[in-house]
Amino acid sequence: MLAGYKRAANILKKELPSAPAKAGALASEAPHDATLRPSPEHGKIQLSYTPEKAEADLIAALDAAEPAAADAVAGEDFEAAMAALATLRAPIDAFFDSVTVNDPDADKRAARLALLARVRDAVHNVADFSKIEG
């Protein structure tokens, strides 16, 4: 999980050095042709294209892990919060193995960067993994 988080954070740092920290704000920085529209749920966007399987799997995993981790943190059950984040490991690995984040299509690239911001933010809601060395 740490490797996937660090890879996502490093890509975001490199590609969007002055971008807002939250995924919902990132969506508003996307191309202004309305291909990325914020959904009612914080941090989630509606795609203007059909995502690749690994991309869709990561979105679904985040949709499940984010609220589970948030509920666990609210209940001060940090072991359960980390367990919720752990469910993201395989989808993150598959995403990085088969999806091109910096796609030539600007809409895909913006959506994928927003997805990586969601990963980073989900982790930061539980713990600051940027402080972990290794």
N, C-alpha and C. Protein backbone atom coordinates (compact mmCIF):
# COMPACT_ATOMS: atom_id res chain seq x y z
N MET A 1 0.82 -1.19 0.00
CA MET A 1 0.00 0.00 0.00
C MET A 1 0.86 1.25 0.00
N LEU A 2 1.93 1.22 0.78
CA LEU A 2 2.82 2.37 0.87
C LEU A 2 3.43 2.70 -0.49
N ALA A 3 3.84 1.68 -1.22
CA ALA A 3 4.44 1.92 -2.54
C ALA A 3 3.44 2.56 -3.49
N GLY A 4 2.20 2.09 -3.49
CA GLY A 4 1.17 2.66 -4.35
C GLY A 4 0.87 4.09 -3.96
N TYR A 5 0.78 4.35 -2.67
CA TYR A 5 0.54 5.71 -2.19
C TYR A 5 1.66 6.64 -2.63
N LYS A 6 2.90 6.20 -2.41
CA LYS A 6 4.04 7.06 -2.76
C LYS A 6 4.10 7.33 -4.26
N ARG A 7 3.79 6.31 -5.05
CA ARG A 7 3.79 6.51 -6.50
C ARG A 7 2.73 7.53 -6.89
N ALA A 8 1.54 7.40 -6.33
CA ALA A 8 0.46 8.36 -6.62
C ALA A 8 0.87 9.76 -6.18
N ALA A 9 1.39 9.90 -4.97
CA ALA A 9 1.77 11.21 -4.45
C ALA A 9 2.89 11.83 -5.28
N ASN A 10 3.84 11.02 -5.71
CA ASN A 10 4.95 11.54 -6.52
C ASN A 10 4.47 12.01 -7.89
N ILE A 11 3.57 11.27 -8.50
CA ILE A 11 3.02 11.69 -9.79
C ILE A 11 2.28 13.01 -9.62
N LEU A 12 1.47 13.10 -8.59
CA LEU A 12 0.73 14.34 -8.35
C LEU A 12 1.66 15.52 -8.09
N LYS A 13 2.71 15.29 -7.33
CA LYS A 13 3.67 16.35 -7.03
C LYS A 13 4.36 16.83 -8.30
N LYS A 14 4.69 15.88 -9.17
CA LYS A 14 5.39 16.21 -10.41
C LYS A 14 4.46 16.88 -11.42
N GLU A 15 3.27 16.33 -11.59
CA GLU A 15 2.35 16.79 -12.63
C GLU A 15 1.55 18.01 -12.23
N LEU A 16 1.27 18.16 -10.95
CA LEU A 16 0.43 19.25 -10.49
C LEU A 16 1.05 19.93 -9.28
N PRO A 17 2.24 20.49 -9.43
CA PRO A 17 2.94 21.01 -8.24
C PRO A 17 2.19 22.11 -7.51
N SER A 18 1.33 22.86 -8.20
CA SER A 18 0.60 23.93 -7.52
C SER A 18 -0.89 23.63 -7.42
N ALA A 19 -1.27 22.38 -7.69
CA ALA A 19 -2.69 22.01 -7.66
C ALA A 19 -3.20 21.95 -6.23
N PRO A 20 -4.50 22.15 -6.06
CA PRO A 20 -5.10 22.03 -4.73
C PRO A 20 -4.92 20.62 -4.17
N ALA A 21 -4.96 20.48 -2.87
CA ALA A 21 -4.71 19.20 -2.22
C ALA A 21 -5.88 18.24 -2.32
N LYS A 22 -7.06 18.72 -2.57
CA LYS A 22 -8.23 17.84 -2.57
C LYS A 22 -8.65 17.46 -3.97
N ALA A 23 -9.08 16.23 -4.13
CA ALA A 23 -9.47 15.72 -5.45
C ALA A 23 -10.64 16.50 -6.03
N GLY A 24 -11.58 16.91 -5.22
CA GLY A 24 -12.73 17.66 -5.73
C GLY A 24 -12.31 18.97 -6.37
N ALA A 25 -11.30 19.61 -5.78
CA ALA A 25 -10.80 20.85 -6.36
C ALA A 25 -10.05 20.55 -7.65
N LEU A 26 -9.36 19.43 -7.70
CA LEU A 26 -8.61 19.06 -8.90
C LEU A 26 -9.55 18.92 -10.09
N ALA A 27 -10.72 18.37 -9.88
CA ALA A 27 -11.66 18.21 -10.98
C ALA A 27 -12.03 19.56 -11.58
N SER A 28 -12.10 20.57 -10.76
CA SER A 28 -12.45 21.89 -11.28
C SER A 28 -11.30 22.50 -12.06
N GLU A 29 -10.09 21.99 -11.89
CA GLU A 29 -8.93 22.48 -12.63
C GLU A 29 -8.79 21.77 -13.96
N ALA A 30 -9.63 20.81 -14.23
CA ALA A 30 -9.56 20.03 -15.45
C ALA A 30 -9.93 20.89 -16.65
N PRO A 31 -9.72 20.37 -17.85
CA PRO A 31 -10.09 21.14 -19.02
C PRO A 31 -11.52 21.67 -18.90
N HIS A 32 -11.73 22.89 -19.38
CA HIS A 32 -13.01 23.57 -19.16
C HIS A 32 -14.09 23.18 -20.15
N ASP A 33 -13.93 22.05 -20.83
CA ASP A 33 -14.94 21.67 -21.82
C ASP A 33 -16.04 20.81 -21.24
N ALA A 34 -16.19 20.79 -19.93
CA ALA A 34 -17.28 20.10 -19.23
C ALA A 34 -17.23 18.59 -19.39
N THR A 35 -16.06 18.04 -19.70
CA THR A 35 -15.97 16.59 -19.80
C THR A 35 -15.82 15.95 -18.43
N LEU A 36 -15.36 16.71 -17.47
CA LEU A 36 -15.28 16.24 -16.09
C LEU A 36 -16.22 17.09 -15.27
N ARG A 37 -17.22 16.45 -14.71
CA ARG A 37 -18.21 17.18 -13.93
C ARG A 37 -18.20 16.65 -12.50
N PRO A 38 -18.04 17.54 -11.52
CA PRO A 38 -18.10 17.06 -10.14
C PRO A 38 -19.44 16.41 -9.85
N SER A 39 -19.41 15.31 -9.17
CA SER A 39 -20.64 14.65 -8.76
C SER A 39 -21.04 15.20 -7.40
N PRO A 40 -22.24 14.85 -6.91
CA PRO A 40 -22.67 15.35 -5.59
C PRO A 40 -21.79 14.86 -4.46
N GLU A 41 -21.08 13.74 -4.66
CA GLU A 41 -20.24 13.20 -3.59
C GLU A 41 -18.87 13.86 -3.64
N HIS A 42 -18.37 14.30 -2.51
CA HIS A 42 -17.10 15.00 -2.43
C HIS A 42 -15.97 14.18 -3.06
N GLY A 43 -15.21 14.85 -3.92
CA GLY A 43 -14.01 14.23 -4.45
C GLY A 43 -14.23 13.30 -5.62
N LYS A 44 -15.46 13.01 -5.99
CA LYS A 44 -15.71 12.06 -7.07
C LYS A 44 -16.14 12.83 -8.31
N ILE A 45 -15.73 12.32 -9.46
CA ILE A 45 -16.10 12.97 -10.71
C ILE A 45 -16.81 11.97 -11.61
N GLN A 46 -17.59 12.51 -12.51
CA GLN A 46 -18.22 11.70 -13.54
C GLN A 46 -17.31 11.74 -14.75
N LEU A 47 -17.07 10.61 -15.35
CA LEU A 47 -16.16 10.53 -16.48
C LEU A 47 -16.90 10.74 -17.79
N SER A 48 -16.22 11.34 -18.73
CA SER A 48 -16.79 11.55 -20.06
C SER A 48 -16.41 10.42 -21.01
N TYR A 49 -15.77 9.39 -20.48
CA TYR A 49 -15.32 8.25 -21.27
C TYR A 49 -15.51 6.98 -20.45
N THR A 50 -15.40 5.85 -21.11
CA THR A 50 -15.50 4.57 -20.41
C THR A 50 -14.13 4.23 -19.85
N PRO A 51 -14.01 4.09 -18.54
CA PRO A 51 -12.70 3.81 -17.96
C PRO A 51 -12.22 2.40 -18.29
N GLU A 52 -10.90 2.26 -18.30
CA GLU A 52 -10.32 0.93 -18.45
C GLU A 52 -10.70 0.10 -17.21
N LYS A 53 -10.62 -1.23 -17.34
CA LYS A 53 -11.05 -2.11 -16.25
C LYS A 53 -10.33 -1.79 -14.93
N ALA A 54 -9.02 -1.68 -14.98
CA ALA A 54 -8.27 -1.42 -13.75
C ALA A 54 -8.62 -0.06 -13.16
N GLU A 55 -8.93 0.90 -14.01
CA GLU A 55 -9.35 2.22 -13.56
C GLU A 55 -10.72 2.15 -12.88
N ALA A 56 -11.65 1.45 -13.50
CA ALA A 56 -12.98 1.27 -12.92
C ALA A 56 -12.90 0.49 -11.61
N ASP A 57 -12.02 -0.51 -11.56
CA ASP A 57 -11.86 -1.29 -10.33
C ASP A 57 -11.32 -0.43 -9.19
N LEU A 58 -10.39 0.47 -9.50
CA LEU A 58 -9.85 1.35 -8.47
C LEU A 58 -10.92 2.33 -8.00
N ILE A 59 -11.72 2.85 -8.91
CA ILE A 59 -12.81 3.75 -8.53
C ILE A 59 -13.77 3.03 -7.59
N ALA A 60 -14.15 1.80 -7.94
CA ALA A 60 -15.07 1.03 -7.10
C ALA A 60 -14.45 0.73 -5.74
N ALA A 61 -13.16 0.40 -5.72
CA ALA A 61 -12.48 0.12 -4.45
C ALA A 61 -12.44 1.36 -3.57
N LEU A 62 -12.19 2.51 -4.18
CA LEU A 62 -12.19 3.76 -3.42
C LEU A 62 -13.58 4.09 -2.90
N ASP A 63 -14.59 3.85 -3.73
CA ASP A 63 -15.97 4.11 -3.31
C ASP A 63 -16.33 3.30 -2.06
N ALA A 64 -15.75 2.12 -1.93
CA ALA A 64 -16.01 1.29 -0.74
C ALA A 64 -15.07 1.63 0.41
N ALA A 65 -13.79 1.84 0.11
CA ALA A 65 -12.79 2.03 1.16
C ALA A 65 -12.87 3.39 1.84
N GLU A 66 -13.16 4.44 1.08
CA GLU A 66 -13.18 5.78 1.67
C GLU A 66 -14.19 5.91 2.82
N PRO A 67 -15.46 5.54 2.61
CA PRO A 67 -16.40 5.67 3.73
C PRO A 67 -16.10 4.70 4.87
N ALA A 68 -15.61 3.50 4.54
CA ALA A 68 -15.28 2.54 5.60
C ALA A 68 -14.13 3.07 6.46
N ALA A 69 -13.12 3.64 5.83
CA ALA A 69 -12.00 4.20 6.58
C ALA A 69 -12.44 5.41 7.39
N ALA A 70 -13.26 6.26 6.79
CA ALA A 70 -13.73 7.46 7.50
C ALA A 70 -14.57 7.07 8.72
N ASP A 71 -15.44 6.09 8.57
CA ASP A 71 -16.25 5.63 9.70
C ASP A 71 -15.37 5.05 10.81
N ALA A 72 -14.35 4.29 10.40
CA ALA A 72 -13.46 3.69 11.39
C ALA A 72 -12.66 4.76 12.13
N VAL A 73 -12.18 5.77 11.41
CA VAL A 73 -11.44 6.86 12.06
C VAL A 73 -12.36 7.61 13.02
N ALA A 74 -13.59 7.86 12.59
CA ALA A 74 -14.55 8.56 13.45
C ALA A 74 -14.79 7.78 14.74
N GLY A 75 -14.76 6.46 14.65
CA GLY A 75 -14.93 5.61 15.82
C GLY A 75 -13.63 5.28 16.52
N GLU A 76 -12.55 5.95 16.09
CA GLU A 76 -11.21 5.74 16.64
C GLU A 76 -10.76 4.29 16.56
N ASP A 77 -11.20 3.59 15.52
CA ASP A 77 -10.78 2.21 15.27
C ASP A 77 -9.77 2.25 14.13
N PHE A 78 -8.53 2.57 14.48
CA PHE A 78 -7.51 2.81 13.47
C PHE A 78 -7.06 1.52 12.78
N GLU A 79 -7.20 0.41 13.47
CA GLU A 79 -6.90 -0.88 12.83
C GLU A 79 -7.88 -1.14 11.70
N ALA A 80 -9.15 -0.87 11.93
CA ALA A 80 -10.16 -1.04 10.88
C ALA A 80 -9.95 -0.04 9.75
N ALA A 81 -9.52 1.17 10.08
CA ALA A 81 -9.25 2.17 9.05
C ALA A 81 -8.11 1.70 8.15
N MET A 82 -7.07 1.17 8.74
CA MET A 82 -5.95 0.66 7.94
C MET A 82 -6.38 -0.57 7.14
N ALA A 83 -7.25 -1.38 7.69
CA ALA A 83 -7.75 -2.55 6.95
C ALA A 83 -8.55 -2.10 5.74
N ALA A 84 -9.33 -1.04 5.89
CA ALA A 84 -10.09 -0.51 4.75
C ALA A 84 -9.14 -0.01 3.67
N LEU A 85 -8.09 0.69 4.07
CA LEU A 85 -7.10 1.16 3.09
C LEU A 85 -6.36 -0.01 2.43
N ALA A 86 -6.13 -1.06 3.19
CA ALA A 86 -5.42 -2.22 2.64
C ALA A 86 -6.16 -2.84 1.46
N THR A 87 -7.47 -2.67 1.42
CA THR A 87 -8.23 -3.23 0.29
C THR A 87 -7.91 -2.51 -1.01
N LEU A 88 -7.24 -1.38 -0.93
CA LEU A 88 -6.87 -0.63 -2.13
C LEU A 88 -5.58 -1.13 -2.78
N ARG A 89 -4.83 -1.95 -2.08
CA ARG A 89 -3.51 -2.34 -2.58
C ARG A 89 -3.57 -2.99 -3.96
N ALA A 90 -4.35 -4.04 -4.11
CA ALA A 90 -4.41 -4.74 -5.40
C ALA A 90 -4.97 -3.84 -6.51
N PRO A 91 -6.05 -3.09 -6.26
CA PRO A 91 -6.54 -2.20 -7.32
C PRO A 91 -5.54 -1.11 -7.72
N ILE A 92 -4.79 -0.59 -6.76
CA ILE A 92 -3.78 0.42 -7.09
C ILE A 92 -2.67 -0.20 -7.92
N ASP A 93 -2.21 -1.38 -7.51
CA ASP A 93 -1.16 -2.06 -8.27
C ASP A 93 -1.61 -2.35 -9.69
N ALA A 94 -2.83 -2.85 -9.84
CA ALA A 94 -3.37 -3.15 -11.18
C ALA A 94 -3.50 -1.88 -12.01
N PHE A 95 -3.93 -0.79 -11.38
CA PHE A 95 -4.06 0.49 -12.07
C PHE A 95 -2.72 0.92 -12.63
N PHE A 96 -1.69 0.91 -11.81
CA PHE A 96 -0.37 1.34 -12.27
C PHE A 96 0.23 0.38 -13.30
N ASP A 97 -0.15 -0.88 -13.23
CA ASP A 97 0.36 -1.87 -14.20
C ASP A 97 -0.26 -1.72 -15.58
N SER A 98 -1.50 -1.24 -15.65
CA SER A 98 -2.18 -1.30 -16.95
C SER A 98 -2.78 0.01 -17.47
N VAL A 99 -2.74 1.07 -16.67
CA VAL A 99 -3.36 2.33 -17.09
C VAL A 99 -2.28 3.40 -17.25
N THR A 100 -2.35 4.15 -18.32
CA THR A 100 -1.44 5.27 -18.55
C THR A 100 -2.05 6.52 -17.93
N VAL A 101 -1.45 6.97 -16.85
CA VAL A 101 -1.98 8.15 -16.17
C VAL A 101 -1.86 9.37 -17.07
N ASN A 102 -0.69 9.58 -17.62
CA ASN A 102 -0.44 10.74 -18.47
C ASN A 102 -0.85 10.45 -19.91
N ASP A 103 -2.09 10.08 -20.07
CA ASP A 103 -2.65 9.79 -21.38
C ASP A 103 -2.62 11.05 -22.24
N PRO A 104 -2.42 10.88 -23.56
CA PRO A 104 -2.45 12.06 -24.43
C PRO A 104 -3.81 12.76 -24.43
N ASP A 105 -4.88 12.03 -24.14
CA ASP A 105 -6.22 12.61 -24.06
C ASP A 105 -6.31 13.41 -22.75
N ALA A 106 -6.49 14.71 -22.87
CA ALA A 106 -6.50 15.60 -21.70
C ALA A 106 -7.57 15.23 -20.68
N ASP A 107 -8.74 14.77 -21.15
CA ASP A 107 -9.82 14.40 -20.24
C ASP A 107 -9.43 13.18 -19.41
N LYS A 108 -8.86 12.19 -20.07
CA LYS A 108 -8.43 10.98 -19.34
C LYS A 108 -7.34 11.32 -18.35
N ARG A 109 -6.39 12.12 -18.79
CA ARG A 109 -5.28 12.49 -17.92
C ARG A 109 -5.80 13.21 -16.67
N ALA A 110 -6.66 14.19 -16.85
CA ALA A 110 -7.21 14.94 -15.71
C ALA A 110 -7.99 14.03 -14.77
N ALA A 111 -8.79 13.14 -15.33
CA ALA A 111 -9.58 12.22 -14.50
C ALA A 111 -8.68 11.27 -13.73
N ARG A 112 -7.62 10.80 -14.37
CA ARG A 112 -6.71 9.86 -13.71
C ARG A 112 -5.89 10.55 -12.64
N LEU A 113 -5.51 11.79 -12.87
CA LEU A 113 -4.83 12.54 -11.83
C LEU A 113 -5.78 12.80 -10.66
N ALA A 114 -7.03 13.08 -10.95
CA ALA A 114 -8.03 13.25 -9.89
C ALA A 114 -8.22 11.95 -9.11
N LEU A 115 -8.16 10.83 -9.80
CA LEU A 115 -8.29 9.53 -9.14
C LEU A 115 -7.09 9.30 -8.20
N LEU A 116 -5.89 9.65 -8.66
CA LEU A 116 -4.72 9.53 -7.79
C LEU A 116 -4.83 10.46 -6.60
N ALA A 117 -5.42 11.63 -6.79
CA ALA A 117 -5.63 12.55 -5.67
C ALA A 117 -6.60 11.93 -4.66
N ARG A 118 -7.60 11.21 -5.16
CA ARG A 118 -8.52 10.52 -4.25
C ARG A 118 -7.78 9.48 -3.42
N VAL A 119 -6.87 8.74 -4.06
CA VAL A 119 -6.07 7.74 -3.33
C VAL A 119 -5.27 8.44 -2.24
N ARG A 120 -4.56 9.49 -2.63
CA ARG A 120 -3.73 10.22 -1.67
C ARG A 120 -4.58 10.75 -0.52
N ASP A 121 -5.73 11.35 -0.84
CA ASP A 121 -6.58 11.93 0.19
C ASP A 121 -7.18 10.86 1.10
N ALA A 122 -7.54 9.72 0.54
CA ALA A 122 -8.09 8.62 1.36
C ALA A 122 -7.06 8.17 2.38
N VAL A 123 -5.82 8.07 1.94
CA VAL A 123 -4.75 7.66 2.85
C VAL A 123 -4.52 8.75 3.90
N HIS A 124 -4.46 10.01 3.48
CA HIS A 124 -4.21 11.10 4.42
C HIS A 124 -5.32 11.25 5.45
N ASN A 125 -6.52 10.80 5.14
CA ASN A 125 -7.60 10.86 6.11
C ASN A 125 -7.39 9.87 7.25
N VAL A 126 -6.50 8.90 7.04
CA VAL A 126 -6.20 7.91 8.09
C VAL A 126 -4.85 8.19 8.73
N ALA A 127 -3.84 8.41 7.91
CA ALA A 127 -2.49 8.63 8.41
C ALA A 127 -1.68 9.37 7.36
N ASP A 128 -0.65 10.05 7.79
CA ASP A 128 0.22 10.78 6.87
C ASP A 128 1.33 9.84 6.42
N PHE A 129 1.08 9.10 5.35
CA PHE A 129 2.05 8.14 4.83
C PHE A 129 3.30 8.83 4.28
N SER A 130 3.23 10.12 4.04
CA SER A 130 4.41 10.82 3.53
C SER A 130 5.52 10.87 4.58
N LYS A 131 5.18 10.63 5.82
CA LYS A 131 6.17 10.65 6.91
C LYS A 131 6.87 9.29 7.08
N ILE A 132 6.38 8.27 6.38
CA ILE A 132 6.95 6.93 6.49
C ILE A 132 8.10 6.80 5.50
N GLU A 133 9.24 6.40 5.99
CA GLU A 133 10.38 6.20 5.10
C GLU A 133 10.37 4.78 4.59
N GLY A 134 10.94 4.62 3.40
CA GLY A 134 11.04 3.26 2.85
C GLY A 134 10.54 3.16 1.46
